[in-house]
Amino acid sequence: MLKVLIIGCGDLGGEVARQLAQLGIKTAGVRRSKAVIAGVEIIAADVTQPTSLQALVALQPEILIYCVAANGQSDEQYRTHYVDGFRHVLATQAQNPRLRHVFFVSSTRVYGQNTATLLDENIVAIPADFGGARLLEAEALLNTLPCNSTALRLSGIYGAGRLRMINLAKSPEKWPLQNSWSNRIHSDDAAAFIVFLVQRVFAKKIAEEPIAACYIVTDSKPTSQYEVLSWIADKLQVTIPADMRTNMQAAMQALNQTPSQAGKRLSNKAMLATGFSLQYPDFQIGYQALLAATMPDQAA
């Protein structure tokens, strides 16, 4: 019998599916293409087209993971893929008595506030844009389910194929004019944590160690954008003009003295309390490994 159904097998969902299959957990994945993932049954379907999802009704998985990505940065795309798409998928499992847990992969974009407070799952998320609002709307669908559920709020994902900050670091003239807090999670850690929670669902001790309704999935060191960019630039031996470096250092000091100045800092205390260990607990460890893998001649 099917154990896990993953809706959205892109970079993250596909890696979760691959790891679950390697663990011997019978897994199926839904994606728009029929691209193969070893050991995983692939179903070609589109969450925006309810009729294409009919094959899911008979699958009756024990765990459902919703891990899609919107096609674009617009309110319509976010509503279509996260709210309506999730609702369409949940409808296919309305008569599934085997469903034990639903995971919705969300984003820390739901926290739109600028604050000095270290944000955790107990602080109410206040969206600042359509993206955060739509993700919260989709998360609310979890409250309608008869089974256990969890929203996984991932911070900025980086890793293989996600080189935005590395590419930006190469061009100091394109760096943001204002410094702000940033939070991130390596894609390997994001996938590993989802797999860790899936295993927890199947563990016999789940009654004594319940899975929470929400986790912020981020590393252990919120860091200013300027610190990350300047560190990567130094590793790549990119020249930063002296006046720019001086201004950046002043901006970093100001942000540390007044944390509420720009952006937010996120806590991963609840995630680590599960017993999960990060492979990349801060940006330096993560980006050092990424640089070594992608441009070893420059990453010394």
C-alpha atoms as a PDB file:
ATOM      1  CA  MET A   1       0.000   0.000   0.000  1.00  0.00           C
ATOM      2  CA  LEU A   2       1.065   3.564  -0.730  1.00  0.00           C
ATOM      3  CA  LYS A   3       2.687   5.292   2.230  1.00  0.00           C
ATOM      4  CA  VAL A   4       3.435   8.815   0.979  1.00  0.00           C
ATOM      5  CA  LEU A   5       1.997  10.960  -1.797  1.00  0.00           C
ATOM      6  CA  ILE A   6       3.986  14.072  -2.718  1.00  0.00           C
ATOM      7  CA  ILE A   7       2.218  16.765  -4.697  1.00  0.00           C
ATOM      8  CA  GLY A   8       4.875  18.739  -6.524  1.00  0.00           C
ATOM      9  CA  CYS A   9       8.086  16.875  -7.312  1.00  0.00           C
ATOM     10  CA  GLY A  10      10.347  19.724  -8.328  1.00  0.00           C
ATOM     11  CA  ASP A  11      13.773  20.251  -6.750  1.00  0.00           C
ATOM     12  CA  LEU A  12      12.589  19.961  -3.137  1.00  0.00           C
ATOM     13  CA  GLY A  13       9.679  17.552  -3.490  1.00  0.00           C
ATOM     14  CA  GLY A  14      11.672  15.390  -5.866  1.00  0.00           C
ATOM     15  CA  GLU A  15      14.538  15.106  -3.394  1.00  0.00           C
ATOM     16  CA  VAL A  16      12.140  14.190  -0.586  1.00  0.00           C
ATOM     17  CA  ALA A  17      10.597  11.524  -2.820  1.00  0.00           C
ATOM     18  CA  ARG A  18      14.013  10.141  -3.748  1.00  0.00           C
ATOM     19  CA  GLN A  19      15.099   9.878  -0.109  1.00  0.00           C
ATOM     20  CA  LEU A  20      11.857   8.236   0.994  1.00  0.00           C
ATOM     21  CA  ALA A  21      12.159   5.667  -1.797  1.00  0.00           C
ATOM     22  CA  GLN A  22      15.721   4.905  -0.723  1.00  0.00           C
ATOM     23  CA  LEU A  23      14.395   4.274   2.785  1.00  0.00           C
ATOM     24  CA  GLY A  24      12.009   1.692   1.369  1.00  0.00           C
ATOM     25  CA  ILE A  25       8.906   3.846   1.932  1.00  0.00           C
ATOM     26  CA  LYS A  26       6.463   3.348  -0.925  1.00  0.00           C
ATOM     27  CA  THR A  27       6.091   6.797  -2.447  1.00  0.00           C
ATOM     28  CA  ALA A  28       4.208   8.348  -5.348  1.00  0.00           C
ATOM     29  CA  GLY A  29       4.719  11.821  -6.739  1.00  0.00           C
ATOM     30  CA  VAL A  30       2.604  14.210  -8.764  1.00  0.00           C
ATOM     31  CA  ARG A  31       4.254  16.514 -11.255  1.00  0.00           C
ATOM     32  CA  ARG A  32       3.291  18.115 -14.540  1.00  0.00           C
ATOM     33  CA  SER A  33       5.821  16.018 -16.461  1.00  0.00           C
ATOM     34  CA  LYS A  34       6.545  12.297 -16.349  1.00  0.00           C
ATOM     35  CA  ALA A  35      10.230  12.771 -15.552  1.00  0.00           C
ATOM     36  CA  VAL A  36      11.466   9.702 -13.697  1.00  0.00           C
ATOM     37  CA  ILE A  37      12.546   9.554 -10.053  1.00  0.00           C
ATOM     38  CA  ALA A  38      14.095   6.203  -9.183  1.00  0.00           C
ATOM     39  CA  GLY A  39      11.787   4.059  -7.049  1.00  0.00           C
ATOM     40  CA  VAL A  40       8.914   6.589  -7.161  1.00  0.00           C
ATOM     41  CA  GLU A  41       5.625   6.196  -9.012  1.00  0.00           C
ATOM     42  CA  ILE A  42       5.130   9.381 -11.033  1.00  0.00           C
ATOM     43  CA  ILE A  43       1.650  10.646 -11.865  1.00  0.00           C
ATOM     44  CA  ALA A  44       1.400  13.394 -14.472  1.00  0.00           C
ATOM     45  CA  ALA A  45      -1.193  15.884 -13.262  1.00  0.00           C
ATOM     46  CA  ASP A  46      -1.709  19.594 -12.652  1.00  0.00           C
ATOM     47  CA  VAL A  47      -3.144  20.926  -9.371  1.00  0.00           C
ATOM     48  CA  THR A  48      -4.788  23.769 -11.285  1.00  0.00           C
ATOM     49  CA  GLN A  49      -6.780  21.237 -13.338  1.00  0.00           C
ATOM     50  CA  PRO A  50      -9.036  19.239 -10.967  1.00  0.00           C
ATOM     51  CA  THR A  51      -9.994  16.682 -13.617  1.00  0.00           C
ATOM     52  CA  SER A  52      -6.326  15.672 -13.972  1.00  0.00           C
ATOM     53  CA  LEU A  53      -6.245  14.684 -10.289  1.00  0.00           C
ATOM     54  CA  GLN A  54      -8.856  11.936 -10.400  1.00  0.00           C
ATOM     55  CA  ALA A  55      -6.195   9.213 -10.334  1.00  0.00           C
ATOM     56  CA  LEU A  56      -5.310  10.334  -6.792  1.00  0.00           C
ATOM     57  CA  VAL A  57      -8.659   9.253  -5.344  1.00  0.00           C
ATOM     58  CA  ALA A  58      -7.783   5.549  -5.415  1.00  0.00           C
ATOM     59  CA  LEU A  59      -4.248   5.948  -4.018  1.00  0.00           C
ATOM     60  CA  GLN A  60      -5.219   6.517  -0.376  1.00  0.00           C
ATOM     61  CA  PRO A  61      -1.790   7.413   1.050  1.00  0.00           C
ATOM     62  CA  GLU A  62      -1.060   7.571   4.761  1.00  0.00           C
ATOM     63  CA  ILE A  63       0.851  10.833   4.389  1.00  0.00           C
ATOM     64  CA  LEU A  64       0.259  13.677   1.948  1.00  0.00           C
ATOM     65  CA  ILE A  65       2.947  16.315   1.281  1.00  0.00           C
ATOM     66  CA  TYR A  66       1.911  19.394  -0.677  1.00  0.00           C
ATOM     67  CA  CYS A  67       5.065  20.946  -2.113  1.00  0.00           C
ATOM     68  CA  VAL A  68       4.160  22.954  -5.207  1.00  0.00           C
ATOM     69  CA  ALA A  69       5.582  26.212  -6.534  1.00  0.00           C
ATOM     70  CA  ALA A  70       3.600  28.986  -8.178  1.00  0.00           C
ATOM     71  CA  ASN A  71       4.379  29.705 -11.821  1.00  0.00           C
ATOM     72  CA  GLY A  72       4.884  33.399 -11.178  1.00  0.00           C
ATOM     73  CA  GLN A  73       4.894  36.234  -8.670  1.00  0.00           C
ATOM     74  CA  SER A  74       1.277  37.352  -8.896  1.00  0.00           C
ATOM     75  CA  ASP A  75      -1.740  37.090  -6.656  1.00  0.00           C
ATOM     76  CA  GLU A  76      -3.541  34.996  -9.251  1.00  0.00           C
ATOM     77  CA  GLN A  77      -0.687  32.477  -9.491  1.00  0.00           C
ATOM     78  CA  TYR A  78      -0.435  32.180  -5.711  1.00  0.00           C
ATOM     79  CA  ARG A  79      -4.187  31.720  -5.311  1.00  0.00           C
ATOM     80  CA  THR A  80      -4.321  29.177  -8.134  1.00  0.00           C
ATOM     81  CA  HIS A  81      -1.391  27.037  -7.017  1.00  0.00           C
ATOM     82  CA  TYR A  82      -1.435  27.307  -3.237  1.00  0.00           C
ATOM     83  CA  VAL A  83      -5.056  27.862  -2.244  1.00  0.00           C
ATOM     84  CA  ASP A  84      -7.160  26.392  -5.047  1.00  0.00           C
ATOM     85  CA  GLY A  85      -4.609  23.721  -5.939  1.00  0.00           C
ATOM     86  CA  PHE A  86      -4.325  22.533  -2.345  1.00  0.00           C
ATOM     87  CA  ARG A  87      -8.121  22.483  -2.037  1.00  0.00           C
ATOM     88  CA  HIS A  88      -8.400  20.393  -5.220  1.00  0.00           C
ATOM     89  CA  VAL A  89      -5.881  17.861  -3.913  1.00  0.00           C
ATOM     90  CA  LEU A  90      -7.510  17.618  -0.484  1.00  0.00           C
ATOM     91  CA  ALA A  91     -10.838  16.918  -2.187  1.00  0.00           C
ATOM     92  CA  THR A  92      -9.347  13.762  -3.727  1.00  0.00           C
ATOM     93  CA  GLN A  93      -8.602  12.462  -0.213  1.00  0.00           C
ATOM     94  CA  ALA A  94     -11.940  13.314   1.392  1.00  0.00           C
ATOM     95  CA  GLN A  95     -12.870   9.622   1.558  1.00  0.00           C
ATOM     96  CA  ASN A  96      -9.438   8.329   2.522  1.00  0.00           C
ATOM     97  CA  PRO A  97      -9.651   6.635   5.959  1.00  0.00           C
ATOM     98  CA  ARG A  98      -5.919   5.832   5.884  1.00  0.00           C
ATOM     99  CA  LEU A  99      -4.746   9.455   5.791  1.00  0.00           C
ATOM    100  CA  ARG A 100      -2.755  10.118   8.966  1.00  0.00           C
ATOM    101  CA  HIS A 101      -0.908  13.375   8.333  1.00  0.00           C
ATOM    102  CA  VAL A 102      -0.839  16.226   5.812  1.00  0.00           C
ATOM    103  CA  PHE A 103       2.216  18.455   5.395  1.00  0.00           C
ATOM    104  CA  PHE A 104       1.873  21.784   3.603  1.00  0.00           C
ATOM    105  CA  VAL A 105       5.173  23.329   2.496  1.00  0.00           C
ATOM    106  CA  SER A 106       4.694  27.036   3.103  1.00  0.00           C
ATOM    107  CA  SER A 107       7.082  29.962   3.477  1.00  0.00           C
ATOM    108  CA  THR A 108       8.255  32.441   6.083  1.00  0.00           C
ATOM    109  CA  ARG A 109       6.887  35.035   3.672  1.00  0.00           C
ATOM    110  CA  VAL A 110       3.811  34.872   5.905  1.00  0.00           C
ATOM    111  CA  TYR A 111       5.793  36.980   8.399  1.00  0.00           C
ATOM    112  CA  GLY A 112       5.701  40.438   6.873  1.00  0.00           C
ATOM    113  CA  GLN A 113       6.531  42.382  10.003  1.00  0.00           C
ATOM    114  CA  ASN A 114       9.752  44.301  10.723  1.00  0.00           C
ATOM    115  CA  THR A 115      10.493  43.715  14.377  1.00  0.00           C
ATOM    116  CA  ALA A 116      13.299  43.353  16.891  1.00  0.00           C
ATOM    117  CA  THR A 117      11.562  40.247  18.253  1.00  0.00           C
ATOM    118  CA  LEU A 118      13.005  36.878  17.282  1.00  0.00           C
ATOM    119  CA  LEU A 119       9.969  35.388  15.560  1.00  0.00           C
ATOM    120  CA  ASP A 120       8.809  31.874  16.361  1.00  0.00           C
ATOM    121  CA  GLU A 121       5.706  29.784  15.752  1.00  0.00           C
ATOM    122  CA  ASN A 122       3.892  31.344  18.721  1.00  0.00           C
ATOM    123  CA  ILE A 123       3.936  34.823  17.191  1.00  0.00           C
ATOM    124  CA  VAL A 124       1.058  35.646  14.865  1.00  0.00           C
ATOM    125  CA  ALA A 125       2.149  35.948  11.251  1.00  0.00           C
ATOM    126  CA  ILE A 126       1.230  39.279   9.688  1.00  0.00           C
ATOM    127  CA  PRO A 127       1.630  39.155   5.893  1.00  0.00           C
ATOM    128  CA  ALA A 128       2.875  42.241   4.101  1.00  0.00           C
ATOM    129  CA  ASP A 129       1.989  41.179   0.560  1.00  0.00           C
ATOM    130  CA  PHE A 130      -0.278  38.936  -1.505  1.00  0.00           C
ATOM    131  CA  GLY A 131       2.172  36.028  -1.325  1.00  0.00           C
ATOM    132  CA  GLY A 132       2.162  35.819   2.443  1.00  0.00           C
ATOM    133  CA  ALA A 133      -1.601  36.316   2.565  1.00  0.00           C
ATOM    134  CA  ARG A 134      -2.305  33.516   0.073  1.00  0.00           C
ATOM    135  CA  LEU A 135       0.052  31.114   1.841  1.00  0.00           C
ATOM    136  CA  LEU A 136      -1.728  31.761   5.134  1.00  0.00           C
ATOM    137  CA  GLU A 137      -5.047  31.194   3.389  1.00  0.00           C
ATOM    138  CA  ALA A 138      -3.770  27.843   2.138  1.00  0.00           C
ATOM    139  CA  GLU A 139      -2.416  26.921   5.582  1.00  0.00           C
ATOM    140  CA  ALA A 140      -5.891  27.545   7.014  1.00  0.00           C
ATOM    141  CA  LEU A 141      -7.195  24.631   4.945  1.00  0.00           C
ATOM    142  CA  LEU A 142      -5.240  22.335   7.253  1.00  0.00           C
ATOM    143  CA  ASN A 143      -7.666  23.243  10.030  1.00  0.00           C
ATOM    144  CA  THR A 144     -10.511  21.617   8.094  1.00  0.00           C
ATOM    145  CA  LEU A 145      -8.892  18.170   8.080  1.00  0.00           C
ATOM    146  CA  PRO A 146      -9.900  15.231  10.298  1.00  0.00           C
ATOM    147  CA  CYS A 147      -6.271  14.063  10.527  1.00  0.00           C
ATOM    148  CA  ASN A 148      -3.093  15.615  11.915  1.00  0.00           C
ATOM    149  CA  SER A 149      -1.411  18.305   9.842  1.00  0.00           C
ATOM    150  CA  THR A 150       1.625  20.573   9.799  1.00  0.00           C
ATOM    151  CA  ALA A 151       2.570  23.785   8.014  1.00  0.00           C
ATOM    152  CA  LEU A 152       6.279  23.932   7.198  1.00  0.00           C
ATOM    153  CA  ARG A 153       7.336  27.565   6.837  1.00  0.00           C
ATOM    154  CA  LEU A 154      10.610  27.493   4.926  1.00  0.00           C
ATOM    155  CA  SER A 155      12.887  30.523   4.833  1.00  0.00           C
ATOM    156  CA  GLY A 156      14.962  31.382   1.735  1.00  0.00           C
ATOM    157  CA  ILE A 157      16.148  28.150   0.126  1.00  0.00           C
ATOM    158  CA  TYR A 158      19.661  27.936  -1.298  1.00  0.00           C
ATOM    159  CA  GLY A 159      21.741  25.015  -2.496  1.00  0.00           C
ATOM    160  CA  ALA A 160      22.424  23.170  -5.741  1.00  0.00           C
ATOM    161  CA  GLY A 161      20.879  25.151  -8.582  1.00  0.00           C
ATOM    162  CA  ARG A 162      19.874  27.991  -6.233  1.00  0.00           C
ATOM    163  CA  LEU A 163      22.786  30.384  -6.600  1.00  0.00           C
ATOM    164  CA  ARG A 164      21.077  33.784  -6.418  1.00  0.00           C
ATOM    165  CA  MET A 165      23.254  35.159  -3.599  1.00  0.00           C
ATOM    166  CA  ILE A 166      26.457  33.814  -5.154  1.00  0.00           C
ATOM    167  CA  ASN A 167      25.627  35.406  -8.487  1.00  0.00           C
ATOM    168  CA  LEU A 168      24.672  38.670  -6.780  1.00  0.00           C
ATOM    169  CA  ALA A 169      27.892  38.697  -4.756  1.00  0.00           C
ATOM    170  CA  LYS A 170      29.875  38.829  -8.003  1.00  0.00           C
ATOM    171  CA  SER A 171      28.372  42.231  -8.870  1.00  0.00           C
ATOM    172  CA  PRO A 172      28.612  44.650  -5.899  1.00  0.00           C
ATOM    173  CA  GLU A 173      27.094  47.426  -8.006  1.00  0.00           C
ATOM    174  CA  LYS A 174      23.823  45.465  -7.985  1.00  0.00           C
ATOM    175  CA  TRP A 175      23.669  44.917  -4.229  1.00  0.00           C
ATOM    176  CA  PRO A 176      20.604  46.319  -2.404  1.00  0.00           C
ATOM    177  CA  LEU A 177      20.917  49.917  -1.269  1.00  0.00           C
ATOM    178  CA  GLN A 178      19.514  49.079   2.165  1.00  0.00           C
ATOM    179  CA  ASN A 179      20.767  46.375   4.485  1.00  0.00           C
ATOM    180  CA  SER A 180      18.217  44.007   6.024  1.00  0.00           C
ATOM    181  CA  TRP A 181      17.971  40.775   7.958  1.00  0.00           C
ATOM    182  CA  SER A 182      17.916  37.545   5.969  1.00  0.00           C
ATOM    183  CA  ASN A 183      17.083  33.967   6.888  1.00  0.00           C
ATOM    184  CA  ARG A 184      17.859  30.855   4.910  1.00  0.00           C
ATOM    185  CA  ILE A 185      17.769  27.079   4.803  1.00  0.00           C
ATOM    186  CA  HIS A 186      19.970  24.831   2.687  1.00  0.00           C
ATOM    187  CA  SER A 187      17.877  22.714   0.322  1.00  0.00           C
ATOM    188  CA  ASP A 188      19.520  19.548   1.666  1.00  0.00           C
ATOM    189  CA  ASP A 189      18.438  20.432   5.217  1.00  0.00           C
ATOM    190  CA  ALA A 190      14.918  21.348   4.082  1.00  0.00           C
ATOM    191  CA  ALA A 191      14.470  17.985   2.376  1.00  0.00           C
ATOM    192  CA  ALA A 192      16.071  16.114   5.277  1.00  0.00           C
ATOM    193  CA  PHE A 193      13.733  17.718   7.816  1.00  0.00           C
ATOM    194  CA  ILE A 194      10.638  16.743   5.826  1.00  0.00           C
ATOM    195  CA  VAL A 195      11.917  13.169   5.562  1.00  0.00           C
ATOM    196  CA  PHE A 196      12.682  13.234   9.306  1.00  0.00           C
ATOM    197  CA  LEU A 197       9.085  14.235  10.094  1.00  0.00           C
ATOM    198  CA  VAL A 198       7.655  11.592   7.778  1.00  0.00           C
ATOM    199  CA  GLN A 199       9.660   8.981   9.634  1.00  0.00           C
ATOM    200  CA  ARG A 200       8.344  10.393  12.901  1.00  0.00           C
ATOM    201  CA  VAL A 201       4.766   9.853  11.721  1.00  0.00           C
ATOM    202  CA  PHE A 202       5.514   6.198  11.138  1.00  0.00           C
ATOM    203  CA  ALA A 203       7.423   5.815  14.409  1.00  0.00           C
ATOM    204  CA  LYS A 204       5.766   3.989  17.294  1.00  0.00           C
ATOM    205  CA  LYS A 205       6.522   6.841  19.718  1.00  0.00           C
ATOM    206  CA  ILE A 206       4.494   9.423  17.821  1.00  0.00           C
ATOM    207  CA  ALA A 207       1.879   9.550  20.591  1.00  0.00           C
ATOM    208  CA  GLU A 208       4.555  10.568  23.107  1.00  0.00           C
ATOM    209  CA  GLU A 209       6.377  12.896  20.698  1.00  0.00           C
ATOM    210  CA  PRO A 210       3.665  14.562  18.630  1.00  0.00           C
ATOM    211  CA  ILE A 211       4.494  16.588  15.553  1.00  0.00           C
ATOM    212  CA  ALA A 212       3.596  20.257  15.918  1.00  0.00           C
ATOM    213  CA  ALA A 213       1.053  22.066  13.756  1.00  0.00           C
ATOM    214  CA  CYS A 214       3.723  24.465  12.477  1.00  0.00           C
ATOM    215  CA  TYR A 215       7.500  24.672  12.146  1.00  0.00           C
ATOM    216  CA  ILE A 216       9.732  27.484  10.975  1.00  0.00           C
ATOM    217  CA  VAL A 217      12.349  25.725   8.848  1.00  0.00           C
ATOM    218  CA  THR A 218      15.475  27.866   8.870  1.00  0.00           C
ATOM    219  CA  ASP A 219      19.095  27.694   9.925  1.00  0.00           C
ATOM    220  CA  SER A 220      20.467  28.820  13.272  1.00  0.00           C
ATOM    221  CA  LYS A 221      21.898  32.202  12.312  1.00  0.00           C
ATOM    222  CA  PRO A 222      19.745  35.048  10.950  1.00  0.00           C
ATOM    223  CA  THR A 223      22.239  37.310   9.209  1.00  0.00           C
ATOM    224  CA  SER A 224      22.217  40.657   7.455  1.00  0.00           C
ATOM    225  CA  GLN A 225      22.285  40.578   3.660  1.00  0.00           C
ATOM    226  CA  TYR A 226      25.460  42.660   3.570  1.00  0.00           C
ATOM    227  CA  GLU A 227      27.285  40.188   5.794  1.00  0.00           C
ATOM    228  CA  VAL A 228      26.346  37.271   3.558  1.00  0.00           C
ATOM    229  CA  LEU A 229      27.182  39.104   0.325  1.00  0.00           C
ATOM    230  CA  SER A 230      30.497  40.492   1.550  1.00  0.00           C
ATOM    231  CA  TRP A 231      31.554  37.078   2.920  1.00  0.00           C
ATOM    232  CA  ILE A 232      30.786  35.361  -0.397  1.00  0.00           C
ATOM    233  CA  ALA A 233      32.463  38.157  -2.344  1.00  0.00           C
ATOM    234  CA  ASP A 234      35.623  37.785  -0.265  1.00  0.00           C
ATOM    235  CA  LYS A 235      35.631  34.034  -0.873  1.00  0.00           C
ATOM    236  CA  LEU A 236      35.324  34.685  -4.617  1.00  0.00           C
ATOM    237  CA  GLN A 237      37.983  37.421  -4.443  1.00  0.00           C
ATOM    238  CA  VAL A 238      35.541  39.998  -5.769  1.00  0.00           C
ATOM    239  CA  THR A 239      36.757  43.558  -5.281  1.00  0.00           C
ATOM    240  CA  ILE A 240      34.457  45.687  -3.132  1.00  0.00           C
ATOM    241  CA  PRO A 241      35.177  49.438  -3.428  1.00  0.00           C
ATOM    242  CA  ALA A 242      36.627  50.840  -0.199  1.00  0.00           C
ATOM    243  CA  ASP A 243      33.881  53.428   0.280  1.00  0.00           C
ATOM    244  CA  MET A 244      31.220  50.805  -0.292  1.00  0.00           C
ATOM    245  CA  ARG A 245      32.810  48.446   2.242  1.00  0.00           C
ATOM    246  CA  THR A 246      32.941  51.254   4.809  1.00  0.00           C
ATOM    247  CA  ASN A 247      29.273  52.084   4.266  1.00  0.00           C
ATOM    248  CA  MET A 248      28.322  48.422   4.509  1.00  0.00           C
ATOM    249  CA  GLN A 249      30.159  47.947   7.784  1.00  0.00           C
ATOM    250  CA  ALA A 250      28.356  50.962   9.219  1.00  0.00           C
ATOM    251  CA  ALA A 251      25.022  49.581   7.986  1.00  0.00           C
ATOM    252  CA  MET A 252      25.712  46.175   9.554  1.00  0.00           C
ATOM    253  CA  GLN A 253      26.604  47.790  12.873  1.00  0.00           C
ATOM    254  CA  ALA A 254      23.460  49.912  12.786  1.00  0.00           C
ATOM    255  CA  LEU A 255      21.296  46.873  12.086  1.00  0.00           C
ATOM    256  CA  ASN A 256      22.796  44.981  15.016  1.00  0.00           C
ATOM    257  CA  GLN A 257      22.194  47.947  17.307  1.00  0.00           C
ATOM    258  CA  THR A 258      18.608  48.424  16.083  1.00  0.00           C
ATOM    259  CA  PRO A 259      17.348  44.972  15.020  1.00  0.00           C
ATOM    260  CA  SER A 260      13.900  46.243  14.046  1.00  0.00           C
ATOM    261  CA  GLN A 261      15.362  48.537  11.408  1.00  0.00           C
ATOM    262  CA  ALA A 262      14.697  46.232   8.449  1.00  0.00           C
ATOM    263  CA  GLY A 263      13.367  42.735   7.999  1.00  0.00           C
ATOM    264  CA  LYS A 264      12.957  39.956  10.519  1.00  0.00           C
ATOM    265  CA  ARG A 265      14.913  37.302  12.356  1.00  0.00           C
ATOM    266  CA  LEU A 266      13.502  33.799  12.676  1.00  0.00           C
ATOM    267  CA  SER A 267      13.941  31.146  15.356  1.00  0.00           C
ATOM    268  CA  ASN A 268      14.401  27.449  14.573  1.00  0.00           C
ATOM    269  CA  LYS A 269      14.130  26.391  18.213  1.00  0.00           C
ATOM    270  CA  ALA A 270      10.988  24.296  17.637  1.00  0.00           C
ATOM    271  CA  MET A 271      12.545  22.513  14.663  1.00  0.00           C
ATOM    272  CA  LEU A 272      15.686  21.622  16.613  1.00  0.00           C
ATOM    273  CA  ALA A 273      13.583  20.515  19.605  1.00  0.00           C
ATOM    274  CA  THR A 274      12.374  17.584  17.492  1.00  0.00           C
ATOM    275  CA  GLY A 275      15.889  16.131  17.621  1.00  0.00           C
ATOM    276  CA  PHE A 276      16.694  17.086  14.043  1.00  0.00           C
ATOM    277  CA  SER A 277      20.267  18.204  13.359  1.00  0.00           C
ATOM    278  CA  LEU A 278      21.173  20.683  10.643  1.00  0.00           C
ATOM    279  CA  GLN A 279      23.969  19.776   8.270  1.00  0.00           C
ATOM    280  CA  TYR A 280      24.397  23.485   7.490  1.00  0.00           C
ATOM    281  CA  PRO A 281      23.575  25.447  10.677  1.00  0.00           C
ATOM    282  CA  ASP A 282      24.750  28.814   9.323  1.00  0.00           C
ATOM    283  CA  PHE A 283      25.372  30.540   6.010  1.00  0.00           C
ATOM    284  CA  GLN A 284      29.156  30.208   6.163  1.00  0.00           C
ATOM    285  CA  ILE A 285      29.096  26.420   6.427  1.00  0.00           C
ATOM    286  CA  GLY A 286      26.391  26.160   3.786  1.00  0.00           C
ATOM    287  CA  TYR A 287      27.878  28.529   1.241  1.00  0.00           C
ATOM    288  CA  GLN A 288      31.407  27.195   1.766  1.00  0.00           C
ATOM    289  CA  ALA A 289      30.145  23.743   0.754  1.00  0.00           C
ATOM    290  CA  LEU A 290      28.146  25.201  -2.140  1.00  0.00           C
ATOM    291  CA  LEU A 291      31.094  27.207  -3.429  1.00  0.00           C
ATOM    292  CA  ALA A 292      33.370  24.185  -3.167  1.00  0.00           C
ATOM    293  CA  ALA A 293      30.896  22.157  -5.215  1.00  0.00           C
ATOM    294  CA  THR A 294      30.156  24.763  -7.887  1.00  0.00           C
ATOM    295  CA  MET A 295      33.424  26.700  -8.281  1.00  0.00           C
ATOM    296  CA  PRO A 296      36.206  24.894  -6.391  1.00  0.00           C
ATOM    297  CA  ASP A 297      38.984  27.032  -7.915  1.00  0.00           C
ATOM    298  CA  GLN A 298      37.535  30.207  -6.370  1.00  0.00           C
ATOM    299  CA  ALA A 299      36.206  28.904  -3.051  1.00  0.00           C
ATOM    300  CA  ALA A 300      39.430  28.414  -1.124  1.00  0.00           C
END
